[in-house]
Amino acid sequence: MRKFKFKINGNDYEVDITNVEDNLVELEVNGSPYTVEVDQALQASKTPKLIRSVAVPSTDAHPSQAKTSKPQEPKGVGNIKSPLPGVILDIYVKVGDRVKVGQKLLTLEAMKMENLIESDKEGSITSIIKQKGDSVMEGDILISIGE
């Protein structure tokens, strides 16, 4: 259940608590089993343990992969993803528009600040997934860019 290490008068002790019921505690001290009675009944902590889920990266590639272009794929093809959670305030492009690297695509409000999302690839807008006023999470696909 729980393990502790103590140093008492220069001697090391390894204590494994194996079971707790009311005011009786079963434990092992350096491998020797003991049952200990405590003055009052022990209660399990009511504080929940929070376990964070694994963060989803906002990029297409796995972090261990080099981010280089693939010669067989057309240049400029890909998705524009949300860099952080927020609300889309304005969209400056429409389906079919040609965009260049650095061209502004949309404004995203996040944490009471307006963030300009620019294109990181060249091509034409094939689809706009999220619309003005939509709430988005980090990593959500906003716009698809094709050749």
Protein backbone atom coordinates (compact mmCIF):
# COMPACT_ATOMS: atom_id res chain seq x y z
CA MET A 1 0.00 0.00 0.00
CA ARG A 2 2.57 2.61 1.15
CA LYS A 3 6.28 2.42 1.81
CA PHE A 4 8.35 4.56 4.16
CA LYS A 5 12.01 4.72 5.15
CA PHE A 6 12.96 5.82 8.67
CA LYS A 7 16.27 6.42 10.40
CA ILE A 8 15.97 6.05 14.19
CA ASN A 9 19.05 6.33 16.42
CA GLY A 10 21.26 5.68 13.37
CA ASN A 11 19.38 2.51 12.37
CA ASP A 12 17.56 2.32 9.01
CA TYR A 13 14.01 0.91 8.89
CA GLU A 14 11.88 0.15 5.85
CA VAL A 15 8.19 0.14 6.71
CA ASP A 16 5.52 -1.21 4.32
CA ILE A 17 1.93 -0.51 5.37
CA THR A 18 -0.08 -3.39 3.92
CA ASN A 19 -3.58 -2.84 5.36
CA VAL A 20 -5.51 -0.25 7.41
CA GLU A 21 -8.89 -1.08 9.00
CA ASP A 22 -10.45 1.23 11.61
CA ASN A 23 -7.70 1.59 14.21
CA LEU A 24 -5.65 -1.53 13.25
CA VAL A 25 -2.69 -1.18 10.91
CA GLU A 26 -0.90 -4.17 9.41
CA LEU A 27 2.68 -3.36 8.45
CA GLU A 28 6.09 -4.87 7.86
CA VAL A 29 9.24 -3.41 9.40
CA ASN A 30 12.37 -4.63 7.57
CA GLY A 31 10.34 -7.68 6.42
CA SER A 32 8.89 -8.60 9.86
CA PRO A 33 5.06 -8.38 10.01
CA TYR A 34 3.34 -6.43 12.81
CA THR A 35 -0.21 -5.44 13.69
CA VAL A 36 -0.36 -2.06 15.36
CA GLU A 37 -3.31 -0.51 17.18
CA VAL A 38 -3.56 3.27 16.98
CA ASP A 39 -5.36 5.55 19.48
CA GLN A 40 -8.10 6.59 17.06
CA ALA A 41 -9.65 5.21 13.89
CA LEU A 42 -7.75 6.24 10.75
CA GLN A 43 -9.74 7.64 7.87
CA ALA A 44 -8.74 7.65 4.27
CA SER A 45 -8.04 11.09 2.87
CA LYS A 46 -11.05 12.61 1.12
CA THR A 47 -8.81 14.66 -1.15
CA PRO A 48 -8.95 13.12 -4.63
CA LYS A 49 -5.76 12.40 -6.50
CA LEU A 50 -5.60 14.36 -9.73
CA ILE A 51 -4.08 12.56 -12.66
CA ARG A 52 -3.31 14.67 -15.69
CA SER A 53 -3.94 13.24 -19.10
CA VAL A 54 -1.15 13.18 -21.61
CA ALA A 55 -0.93 16.49 -23.45
CA VAL A 56 -1.69 16.24 -27.14
CA PRO A 57 0.93 18.01 -29.23
CA SER A 58 -0.43 20.62 -31.61
CA THR A 59 1.79 19.50 -34.46
CA ASP A 60 1.28 16.77 -37.05
CA ALA A 61 4.65 15.13 -36.42
CA HIS A 62 5.78 13.12 -33.45
CA PRO A 63 8.36 15.07 -31.36
CA SER A 64 11.05 12.46 -32.06
CA GLN A 65 10.63 12.81 -35.83
CA ALA A 66 12.56 15.40 -37.74
CA LYS A 67 10.30 18.07 -39.21
CA THR A 68 11.53 18.02 -42.76
CA SER A 69 9.52 18.16 -45.95
CA LYS A 70 8.67 15.02 -47.86
CA PRO A 71 9.71 15.40 -51.52
CA GLN A 72 6.88 13.19 -52.81
CA GLU A 73 4.14 15.32 -51.19
CA PRO A 74 2.97 18.60 -52.75
CA LYS A 75 4.33 21.69 -51.03
CA GLY A 76 1.93 23.83 -49.00
CA VAL A 77 -0.47 21.01 -48.17
CA GLY A 78 -1.55 20.69 -44.56
CA ASN A 79 -3.64 22.01 -41.72
CA ILE A 80 -3.50 25.17 -39.64
CA LYS A 81 -4.09 24.22 -36.01
CA SER A 82 -5.03 26.32 -33.01
CA PRO A 83 -1.93 27.13 -30.93
CA LEU A 84 -4.03 27.61 -27.76
CA PRO A 85 -7.67 27.42 -26.60
CA GLY A 86 -9.87 30.39 -27.42
CA VAL A 87 -12.66 31.84 -29.57
CA ILE A 88 -12.39 32.76 -33.25
CA LEU A 89 -13.08 36.49 -33.63
CA ASP A 90 -12.58 36.97 -37.35
CA ILE A 91 -11.61 34.99 -40.47
CA TYR A 92 -9.77 36.87 -43.24
CA VAL A 93 -9.81 34.19 -45.98
CA LYS A 94 -12.39 32.08 -47.78
CA VAL A 95 -12.33 28.72 -49.54
CA GLY A 96 -10.39 28.96 -52.80
CA ASP A 97 -8.16 31.91 -51.75
CA ARG A 98 -4.43 31.57 -52.45
CA VAL A 99 -2.31 32.24 -49.37
CA LYS A 100 1.39 32.82 -48.86
CA VAL A 101 3.58 32.14 -45.84
CA GLY A 102 2.98 34.83 -43.22
CA GLN A 103 -0.41 35.90 -44.57
CA LYS A 104 -2.99 36.51 -41.83
CA LEU A 105 -5.75 33.90 -41.76
CA LEU A 106 -7.77 34.60 -38.63
CA THR A 107 -7.86 36.26 -35.22
CA LEU A 108 -8.17 34.07 -32.13
CA GLU A 109 -9.10 35.53 -28.74
CA ALA A 110 -7.36 33.64 -25.94
CA MET A 111 -7.03 34.78 -22.32
CA LYS A 112 -8.53 38.20 -23.21
CA MET A 113 -5.86 38.79 -25.86
CA GLU A 114 -6.24 38.81 -29.62
CA ASN A 115 -3.82 36.48 -31.42
CA LEU A 116 -3.22 36.73 -35.15
CA ILE A 117 -2.93 33.29 -36.76
CA GLU A 118 -0.80 33.40 -39.91
CA SER A 119 -0.22 30.82 -42.61
CA ASP A 120 2.92 28.75 -42.26
CA LYS A 121 2.51 27.24 -45.72
CA GLU A 122 1.72 28.32 -49.25
CA GLY A 123 -1.27 27.09 -51.21
CA SER A 124 -5.01 27.54 -51.55
CA ILE A 125 -7.65 27.25 -48.84
CA THR A 126 -9.46 23.93 -49.34
CA SER A 127 -11.73 24.14 -46.29
CA ILE A 128 -12.45 26.28 -43.24
CA ILE A 129 -13.32 23.89 -40.42
CA LYS A 130 -14.09 26.38 -37.64
CA GLN A 131 -16.24 29.49 -38.12
CA LYS A 132 -16.37 32.96 -36.55
CA GLY A 133 -17.56 32.70 -32.92
CA ASP A 134 -16.54 29.03 -32.51
CA SER A 135 -14.68 27.96 -29.37
CA VAL A 136 -11.55 25.95 -30.11
CA MET A 137 -9.11 23.90 -28.07
CA GLU A 138 -5.34 23.70 -28.54
CA GLY A 139 -4.54 21.49 -31.51
CA ASP A 140 -7.97 21.79 -33.18
CA ILE A 141 -7.75 22.04 -36.97
CA LEU A 142 -8.93 25.48 -38.08
CA ILE A 143 -8.16 25.66 -41.80
CA SER A 144 -6.97 23.15 -44.42
CA ILE A 145 -4.59 24.31 -47.10
CA GLY A 146 -4.12 22.37 -50.35
CA GLU A 147 -2.17 22.87 -53.53
